[in-house]
Amino acid sequence: MTDTVLDRFLRYVVIDTQSDAGSPTQPSTAKQKELGRLLVNELLEIGVSDAHLDEHGYVYATIPSNTDKTVPVICFCSHMDTAPDFTGTNVRPKVLHNYGGGDIKLSGDQKQVIRVTENPALNDQIGNDIVTTDGTTLLGADDKAGIAEIMTAAQILMDNPDIRHGTIKLLFTPDEEIGRGVDKVDLTKLAAQFAYTMDGETAGHIEDETFSADGVEIAIEGVAIHPGFAKGKMENAIKIAGAIIDRLPRNIAPETTDGREGFIHPTGLSGSMEKAAISLIVRDFEERGLADKEKRLEAIVREVMKDYPGSSYTFAVKQQYRNMKVVLDRHPQIVENAIEAIRRAGMSPVRGSIRGGTDGSRLSFMGLPCPNIFAGGHAFHSPREWISRQDMERAVTTLVELARVWEERA
């Protein structure tokens, strides 16, 4: 096989792998296994003999060491699913060769325009080849770009024994987009000491810090009665829920925060006159900030409920993931080696934070320290998602150099 990273990417994105938070199965959608089976077959074809798909939808594989040195076992990881936020069915990727600048109009939906004002990173792509959708689906660069990059790097390492490296594990996961990406990972079988997710954005970036994240579920029980006889008696649970949402602080919302600012964000609302439920996510880089926001949120609920003495509520907090920096700071060589690899790939490394989380967040706290390296995609989870061929190639070079750096420094 002599596939380029672009060849692979275009092949992977047309496979619908959207995950489903409402499904109780693992993986949440059987169609994710279609991509998993393809990846296993391709790995076997390039000589990765132990590649396999397990019953939970995970692809495991090993690139054997070709050095006499004792090198820590590292893992490259990406997720196969695409987000439920926008459809991933019938993806029609388009390649704009030799991008000349300016806004990009998408052919399938004239209302969808990738604007430079909203995507200033396009200014760094003049002359490059830009991959988009036709505007009717998401692209799936999150994270099929990461998969294509890892697969291409794997082929380079298998085909070039002169590139010295230790044992390298490959892991492709389902259901990352719905928070279940590593629920059933077998770390004993994986047998890696350190890992890297290829799930970041701008070329040259490595992220060793994420939000800490909780989910909050508020259940409200109102007072239901026939509306014709409701005066002084009815306490409508829908209105109570609306009052709570209306009092959420506007300056602590996703649409009003950036950088290291956290937020409170309602993600779901359902109800009837008798009962209502609000789902929210709370994010902050510091656990203290997370706890403060949750206290503030419950204080709002208590204040609203004072106006509804016959009603009651429950307030449940569920931990989702924690800032991986706590773990990664104990193993500085992980990020230092990645920075060197990015530099060798011809870029100026940028170390930063993710306003979100990755599989690496949970893997780090499960005992597998795991920062996040750029994959090159932009405008994730939308029909205006895009990526350049050249940035994917830079990611491939970074992975190959990363394998080399770990061997050299062993």
Protein backbone atom coordinates (compact mmCIF):
# COMPACT_ATOMS: atom_id res chain seq x y z
CA MET A 1 0.00 0.00 0.00
CA THR A 2 1.26 3.46 -0.87
CA ASP A 3 -1.66 5.53 0.35
CA THR A 4 -1.02 9.12 1.32
CA VAL A 5 -2.57 10.59 4.43
CA LEU A 6 -5.07 12.39 2.19
CA ASP A 7 -6.03 9.12 0.48
CA ARG A 8 -6.72 7.55 3.83
CA PHE A 9 -8.60 10.54 5.18
CA LEU A 10 -10.93 10.72 2.18
CA ARG A 11 -11.60 6.99 2.51
CA TYR A 12 -12.42 7.18 6.22
CA VAL A 13 -14.66 10.24 6.30
CA VAL A 14 -17.29 8.72 3.99
CA ILE A 15 -17.98 5.99 6.57
CA ASP A 16 -20.74 7.13 8.91
CA THR A 17 -19.49 6.58 12.46
CA GLN A 18 -21.69 9.01 14.41
CA SER A 19 -22.09 7.98 18.05
CA ASP A 20 -25.39 8.11 19.98
CA ALA A 21 -25.58 9.24 23.59
CA GLY A 22 -29.05 7.73 23.90
CA SER A 23 -27.85 4.22 23.12
CA PRO A 24 -26.94 1.89 26.03
CA THR A 25 -24.67 -0.34 23.92
CA GLN A 26 -20.87 -0.34 23.60
CA PRO A 27 -20.10 0.94 21.05
CA SER A 28 -23.17 3.12 20.99
CA THR A 29 -23.62 2.53 17.24
CA ALA A 30 -22.67 -0.65 15.41
CA LYS A 31 -21.62 1.34 12.34
CA GLN A 32 -18.47 2.48 14.16
CA LYS A 33 -17.22 -1.09 13.84
CA GLU A 34 -17.30 -0.74 10.05
CA LEU A 35 -14.42 1.71 10.23
CA GLY A 36 -12.74 -0.44 12.87
CA ARG A 37 -12.79 -3.49 10.59
CA LEU A 38 -11.35 -1.44 7.72
CA LEU A 39 -8.52 -0.18 9.92
CA VAL A 40 -7.69 -3.70 11.09
CA ASN A 41 -7.53 -4.95 7.50
CA GLU A 42 -5.28 -2.07 6.46
CA LEU A 43 -2.97 -2.64 9.43
CA LEU A 44 -2.69 -6.33 8.61
CA GLU A 45 -1.86 -5.45 5.00
CA ILE A 46 1.08 -3.27 6.08
CA GLY A 47 2.41 -6.01 8.35
CA VAL A 48 1.01 -5.12 11.79
CA SER A 49 0.20 -8.70 12.58
CA ASP A 50 -1.66 -8.41 15.89
CA ALA A 51 -4.21 -5.79 14.77
CA HIS A 52 -7.73 -6.68 15.89
CA LEU A 53 -11.15 -5.27 16.73
CA ASP A 54 -12.60 -6.33 20.07
CA GLU A 55 -16.23 -6.82 21.03
CA HIS A 56 -16.47 -3.30 22.48
CA GLY A 57 -15.39 -1.60 19.26
CA TYR A 58 -11.74 -0.88 20.11
CA VAL A 59 -8.94 -1.43 17.62
CA TYR A 60 -5.63 -2.55 19.17
CA ALA A 61 -2.35 -2.99 17.30
CA THR A 62 1.41 -3.11 17.93
CA ILE A 63 4.32 -1.82 15.89
CA PRO A 64 7.22 -3.94 17.23
CA SER A 65 10.43 -2.36 18.48
CA ASN A 66 13.40 -2.44 16.10
CA THR A 67 16.07 -1.26 18.54
CA ASP A 68 18.26 -2.93 21.16
CA LYS A 69 17.55 -0.09 23.59
CA THR A 70 14.96 -0.37 26.36
CA VAL A 71 12.48 2.29 25.26
CA PRO A 72 9.25 3.14 27.11
CA VAL A 73 6.22 1.77 25.28
CA ILE A 74 4.17 4.63 23.86
CA CYS A 75 0.69 4.62 22.34
CA PHE A 76 -0.87 6.73 19.59
CA CYS A 77 -4.62 7.08 20.01
CA SER A 78 -7.54 8.57 18.04
CA HIS A 79 -11.31 8.13 18.13
CA MET A 80 -13.43 6.71 15.33
CA ASP A 81 -16.79 8.30 16.08
CA THR A 82 -18.09 11.66 14.92
CA ALA A 83 -20.19 14.02 17.02
CA PRO A 84 -23.99 13.79 17.29
CA ASP A 85 -24.08 17.61 16.92
CA PHE A 86 -24.44 17.46 13.13
CA THR A 87 -25.11 14.66 10.67
CA GLY A 88 -22.26 12.49 9.43
CA THR A 89 -24.37 10.56 6.92
CA ASN A 90 -23.43 10.75 3.22
CA VAL A 91 -20.30 12.85 3.72
CA ARG A 92 -19.09 14.21 0.38
CA PRO A 93 -15.56 15.56 0.91
CA LYS A 94 -14.30 18.25 -1.45
CA VAL A 95 -10.65 19.12 -2.05
CA LEU A 96 -9.85 22.73 -2.91
CA HIS A 97 -6.39 22.57 -4.47
CA ASN A 98 -3.95 25.49 -4.16
CA TYR A 99 -6.20 27.63 -1.96
CA GLY A 100 -5.85 31.24 -3.02
CA GLY A 101 -7.37 32.91 0.01
CA GLY A 102 -10.79 34.31 0.80
CA ASP A 103 -14.05 32.77 1.95
CA ILE A 104 -14.94 29.24 0.81
CA LYS A 105 -18.51 28.67 -0.40
CA LEU A 106 -19.74 25.10 0.00
CA SER A 107 -21.43 23.64 -3.05
CA GLY A 108 -24.18 21.58 -1.40
CA ASP A 109 -25.65 24.40 0.68
CA GLN A 110 -25.09 27.97 -0.51
CA LYS A 111 -25.84 29.27 3.00
CA GLN A 112 -22.75 27.50 4.32
CA VAL A 113 -19.64 29.62 3.90
CA ILE A 114 -16.28 29.09 5.60
CA ARG A 115 -15.41 32.70 6.34
CA VAL A 116 -11.89 33.91 6.93
CA THR A 117 -13.17 36.27 9.63
CA GLU A 118 -14.37 33.23 11.58
CA ASN A 119 -11.40 31.05 10.56
CA PRO A 120 -8.30 33.27 10.68
CA ALA A 121 -6.15 30.11 10.46
CA LEU A 122 -7.04 30.07 6.75
CA ASN A 123 -4.58 32.95 6.32
CA ASP A 124 -1.79 30.42 6.99
CA GLN A 125 -3.08 28.03 4.30
CA ILE A 126 -2.46 30.01 1.10
CA GLY A 127 -1.30 27.58 -1.60
CA ASN A 128 -2.35 24.53 0.40
CA ASP A 129 -5.03 21.96 -0.41
CA ILE A 130 -8.13 22.43 1.75
CA VAL A 131 -10.60 19.61 2.41
CA THR A 132 -14.21 20.53 3.23
CA THR A 133 -17.65 18.97 3.00
CA ASP A 134 -20.32 20.09 0.55
CA GLY A 135 -22.00 21.89 3.47
CA THR A 136 -24.69 19.31 4.21
CA THR A 137 -22.74 17.22 6.75
CA LEU A 138 -19.82 17.53 9.09
CA LEU A 139 -16.46 16.42 7.71
CA GLY A 140 -15.22 14.15 10.48
CA ALA A 141 -11.70 15.57 10.72
CA ASP A 142 -12.46 15.19 14.41
CA ASP A 143 -10.99 12.64 14.59
CA LYS A 144 -10.56 10.78 11.34
CA ALA A 145 -7.68 13.12 10.57
CA GLY A 146 -5.93 11.72 13.64
CA ILE A 147 -6.67 8.17 12.51
CA ALA A 148 -5.36 8.83 8.98
CA GLU A 149 -2.21 10.39 10.41
CA ILE A 150 -1.52 7.51 12.78
CA MET A 151 -2.17 4.94 10.07
CA THR A 152 0.14 6.72 7.63
CA ALA A 153 2.88 7.04 10.26
CA ALA A 154 2.46 3.34 11.06
CA GLN A 155 3.07 2.45 7.43
CA ILE A 156 6.17 4.65 7.28
CA LEU A 157 7.59 3.01 10.40
CA MET A 158 6.82 -0.48 9.13
CA ASP A 159 8.34 0.24 5.70
CA ASN A 160 11.51 1.95 6.99
CA PRO A 161 13.44 -0.18 9.50
CA ASP A 162 16.24 2.40 9.48
CA ILE A 163 13.95 4.62 11.60
CA ARG A 164 14.78 3.31 15.06
CA HIS A 165 11.93 3.17 17.58
CA GLY A 166 10.68 1.25 20.56
CA THR A 167 7.41 -0.66 20.78
CA ILE A 168 4.50 1.51 19.67
CA LYS A 169 0.90 0.67 20.46
CA LEU A 170 -2.02 1.90 18.39
CA LEU A 171 -5.49 2.42 19.87
CA PHE A 172 -8.61 3.56 18.02
CA THR A 173 -11.63 4.14 20.24
CA PRO A 174 -15.41 4.47 19.77
CA ASP A 175 -17.76 6.92 21.48
CA GLU A 176 -15.30 9.64 22.49
CA GLU A 177 -17.77 12.32 21.45
CA ILE A 178 -20.34 11.12 23.98
CA GLY A 179 -17.87 10.74 26.85
CA ARG A 180 -17.49 6.95 26.77
CA GLY A 181 -14.35 6.68 24.68
CA VAL A 182 -12.25 4.75 27.19
CA ASP A 183 -14.94 3.10 29.32
CA LYS A 184 -13.87 -0.41 28.32
CA VAL A 185 -10.25 0.05 27.24
CA ASP A 186 -8.12 -2.88 28.40
CA LEU A 187 -4.98 -1.12 29.64
CA THR A 188 -3.38 -4.43 30.57
CA LYS A 189 -3.68 -5.63 27.00
CA LEU A 190 -2.58 -2.26 25.64
CA ALA A 191 0.54 -2.43 27.84
CA ALA A 192 1.72 1.13 27.17
CA GLN A 193 3.48 3.43 29.62
CA PHE A 194 2.65 6.75 27.99
CA ALA A 195 0.28 7.83 25.22
CA TYR A 196 -0.68 10.66 22.89
CA THR A 197 -4.10 11.44 21.47
CA MET A 198 -4.05 12.94 17.96
CA ASP A 199 -7.15 15.05 18.47
CA GLY A 200 -6.04 18.67 18.53
CA GLU A 201 -6.53 21.55 16.13
CA THR A 202 -3.86 23.93 14.81
CA ALA A 203 -0.61 22.52 13.43
CA GLY A 204 2.28 22.72 15.88
CA HIS A 205 0.13 22.69 19.00
CA ILE A 206 0.40 20.28 21.90
CA GLU A 207 -2.04 20.46 24.79
CA ASP A 208 -1.29 19.16 28.25
CA GLU A 209 -4.22 20.73 30.07
CA THR A 210 -7.96 20.28 29.80
CA PHE A 211 -11.03 21.50 31.61
CA SER A 212 -12.15 19.65 34.67
CA ALA A 213 -15.73 18.66 33.93
CA ASP A 214 -18.93 17.72 35.75
CA GLY A 215 -22.48 17.10 34.67
CA VAL A 216 -25.40 18.39 36.70
CA GLU A 217 -28.95 16.99 36.62
CA ILE A 218 -31.73 19.05 38.19
CA ALA A 219 -35.10 17.36 38.64
CA ILE A 220 -38.10 19.50 39.57
CA GLU A 221 -41.43 18.28 40.93
CA GLY A 222 -44.14 20.91 40.63
CA VAL A 223 -47.78 21.03 41.66
CA ALA A 224 -50.11 19.89 38.89
CA ILE A 225 -53.80 20.72 38.78
CA HIS A 226 -56.47 21.32 36.16
CA PRO A 227 -55.72 24.76 34.67
CA GLY A 228 -59.35 25.78 35.08
CA PHE A 229 -59.03 25.49 38.84
CA ALA A 230 -55.35 26.41 39.22
CA LYS A 231 -55.42 29.85 40.81
CA GLY A 232 -53.24 29.91 43.89
CA LYS A 233 -52.53 26.19 43.59
CA MET A 234 -50.60 25.30 40.41
CA GLU A 235 -46.82 25.40 40.39
CA ASN A 236 -45.83 24.60 36.81
CA ALA A 237 -42.57 22.63 36.68
CA ILE A 238 -41.85 23.88 33.16
CA LYS A 239 -42.01 27.49 34.35
CA ILE A 240 -39.79 26.69 37.33
CA ALA A 241 -37.20 25.21 34.99
CA GLY A 242 -37.46 28.26 32.74
CA ALA A 243 -36.90 30.58 35.69
CA ILE A 244 -33.75 28.68 36.67
CA ILE A 245 -32.33 28.86 33.16
CA ASP A 246 -33.21 32.55 32.90
CA ARG A 247 -31.16 33.30 36.02
CA LEU A 248 -27.99 31.55 34.85
CA PRO A 249 -25.17 34.11 34.83
CA ARG A 250 -24.69 35.40 31.32
CA ASN A 251 -20.98 36.07 31.84
CA ILE A 252 -20.30 32.41 32.74
CA ALA A 253 -21.57 30.82 29.53
CA PRO A 254 -19.73 29.22 26.58
CA GLU A 255 -20.74 32.08 24.31
CA THR A 256 -19.26 34.74 26.63
CA THR A 257 -16.05 33.07 27.84
CA ASP A 258 -12.69 32.07 26.40
CA GLY A 259 -9.11 31.38 27.46
CA ARG A 260 -9.00 29.95 30.96
CA GLU A 261 -12.53 30.99 31.87
CA GLY A 262 -14.97 28.22 32.76
CA PHE A 263 -18.70 28.12 32.28
CA ILE A 264 -22.13 26.73 33.19
CA HIS A 265 -24.03 25.45 30.15
CA PRO A 266 -27.55 23.97 29.90
CA THR A 267 -27.57 21.07 27.43
CA GLY A 268 -31.03 19.60 27.84
CA LEU A 269 -34.54 20.54 29.03
CA SER A 270 -37.61 18.34 29.25
CA GLY A 271 -40.79 18.43 31.23
CA SER A 272 -44.49 18.65 31.85
CA MET A 273 -46.60 20.66 34.24
CA GLU A 274 -45.85 18.13 36.99
CA LYS A 275 -42.16 17.33 36.42
CA ALA A 276 -39.23 18.91 34.60
CA ALA A 277 -35.54 18.12 34.20
CA ILE A 278 -32.57 20.28 33.30
CA SER A 279 -29.20 18.85 32.20
CA LEU A 280 -26.14 21.07 32.46
CA ILE A 281 -22.39 20.79 32.10
CA VAL A 282 -19.96 22.72 34.28
CA ARG A 283 -16.39 23.41 33.21
CA ASP A 284 -13.31 24.99 34.80
CA PHE A 285 -9.56 24.44 34.64
CA GLU A 286 -9.40 24.40 38.46
CA GLU A 287 -11.40 22.03 40.65
CA ARG A 288 -12.03 24.87 43.08
CA GLY A 289 -13.57 26.88 40.27
CA LEU A 290 -15.69 23.90 39.31
CA ALA A 291 -17.01 23.55 42.86
CA ASP A 292 -17.69 27.30 43.11
CA LYS A 293 -19.79 27.22 39.92
CA GLU A 294 -21.80 24.27 41.18
CA LYS A 295 -22.48 26.03 44.48
CA ARG A 296 -23.56 29.11 42.58
CA LEU A 297 -25.84 27.03 40.37
CA GLU A 298 -27.54 25.35 43.32
CA ALA A 299 -27.95 28.71 45.03
CA ILE A 300 -29.86 29.90 41.95
CA VAL A 301 -32.10 26.84 42.15
CA ARG A 302 -32.80 27.39 45.85
CA GLU A 303 -33.60 31.06 45.24
CA VAL A 304 -36.07 30.21 42.45
CA MET A 305 -37.72 27.50 44.54
CA LYS A 306 -38.59 30.03 47.25
CA ASP A 307 -41.33 31.28 44.93
CA TYR A 308 -42.76 27.76 44.64
CA PRO A 309 -43.24 26.48 48.23
CA GLY A 310 -45.24 23.44 47.17
CA SER A 311 -42.58 22.18 44.79
CA SER A 312 -39.30 20.34 45.34
CA TYR A 313 -36.08 19.59 43.49
CA THR A 314 -33.06 17.31 43.44
CA PHE A 315 -29.58 18.43 42.41
CA ALA A 316 -27.13 15.70 41.32
CA VAL A 317 -23.51 16.24 40.27
CA LYS A 318 -21.66 13.59 38.28
CA GLN A 319 -17.93 13.75 37.66
CA GLN A 320 -17.05 13.52 33.95
CA TYR A 321 -13.28 14.09 33.69
CA ARG A 322 -10.48 16.05 35.33
CA ASN A 323 -7.65 18.29 34.14
CA MET A 324 -4.92 15.96 32.89
CA LYS A 325 -2.18 18.47 33.73
CA VAL A 326 -2.15 17.16 37.30
CA VAL A 327 -0.90 13.82 35.99
CA LEU A 328 1.26 15.04 33.10
CA ASP A 329 3.30 17.39 35.27
CA ARG A 330 4.68 14.28 37.00
CA HIS A 331 6.09 13.04 33.68
CA PRO A 332 7.58 16.09 31.93
CA GLN A 333 9.42 13.99 29.34
CA ILE A 334 6.12 13.15 27.61
CA VAL A 335 5.48 16.73 26.55
CA GLU A 336 9.18 17.56 26.12
CA ASN A 337 9.59 14.75 23.59
CA ALA A 338 6.51 15.89 21.68
CA ILE A 339 7.79 19.45 21.57
CA GLU A 340 11.07 18.21 20.10
CA ALA A 341 9.20 16.11 17.53
CA ILE A 342 7.09 19.10 16.44
CA ARG A 343 10.24 21.18 16.12
CA ARG A 344 11.90 18.48 13.97
CA ALA A 345 8.79 18.44 11.77
CA GLY A 346 9.50 22.06 10.90
CA MET A 347 7.09 23.90 13.16
CA SER A 348 7.36 26.18 16.18
CA PRO A 349 5.78 24.22 19.04
CA VAL A 350 2.90 25.86 20.90
CA ARG A 351 1.97 24.44 24.29
CA GLY A 352 -1.57 25.16 25.40
CA SER A 353 -4.85 24.17 27.01
CA ILE A 354 -8.01 22.60 25.62
CA ARG A 355 -11.37 24.18 26.35
CA GLY A 356 -12.77 20.70 26.49
CA GLY A 357 -11.52 17.19 27.07
CA THR A 358 -10.15 14.23 25.15
CA ASP A 359 -9.81 10.52 25.73
CA GLY A 360 -6.42 11.55 27.11
CA SER A 361 -8.05 13.24 30.09
CA ARG A 362 -9.52 10.03 31.40
CA LEU A 363 -6.63 7.83 30.26
CA SER A 364 -4.26 10.00 32.28
CA PHE A 365 -6.24 9.37 35.47
CA MET A 366 -6.57 5.68 34.62
CA GLY A 367 -2.78 5.39 34.77
CA LEU A 368 -1.80 6.15 31.16
CA PRO A 369 -0.48 9.75 31.01
CA CYS A 370 -1.69 11.16 27.70
CA PRO A 371 -1.38 14.72 26.29
CA ASN A 372 -3.00 15.82 23.04
CA ILE A 373 -1.20 16.58 19.76
CA PHE A 374 -2.64 18.55 16.85
CA ALA A 375 -4.44 16.72 14.05
CA GLY A 376 -5.00 19.85 11.96
CA GLY A 377 -8.79 20.15 11.76
CA HIS A 378 -10.83 23.32 12.29
CA ALA A 379 -14.48 24.22 12.98
CA PHE A 380 -15.24 20.80 14.43
CA HIS A 381 -18.80 19.46 14.74
CA SER A 382 -20.16 21.69 11.98
CA PRO A 383 -20.78 21.66 8.22
CA ARG A 384 -18.00 24.25 7.91
CA GLU A 385 -15.34 21.89 9.22
CA TRP A 386 -12.09 21.94 7.23
CA ILE A 387 -8.50 20.71 7.21
CA SER A 388 -5.48 21.01 4.93
CA ARG A 389 -3.51 18.18 3.39
CA GLN A 390 -0.26 19.86 4.36
CA ASP A 391 -1.20 20.04 8.06
CA MET A 392 -2.07 16.35 8.06
CA GLU A 393 1.32 15.62 6.51
CA ARG A 394 2.99 17.69 9.25
CA ALA A 395 1.16 15.59 11.83
CA VAL A 396 2.43 12.38 10.21
CA THR A 397 6.01 13.69 10.30
CA THR A 398 5.54 14.66 13.96
CA LEU A 399 4.49 11.11 14.85
CA VAL A 400 7.43 9.56 13.04
CA GLU A 401 9.84 11.97 14.70
CA LEU A 402 8.20 11.34 18.07
CA ALA A 403 8.91 7.63 17.76
CA ARG A 404 12.51 8.48 16.88
CA VAL A 405 12.92 10.94 19.78
CA TRP A 406 11.78 8.40 22.38
CA GLU A 407 14.33 5.89 21.04
CA GLU A 408 17.15 8.42 20.97
CA ARG A 409 16.52 9.58 24.52
CA ALA A 410 16.10 6.11 26.03
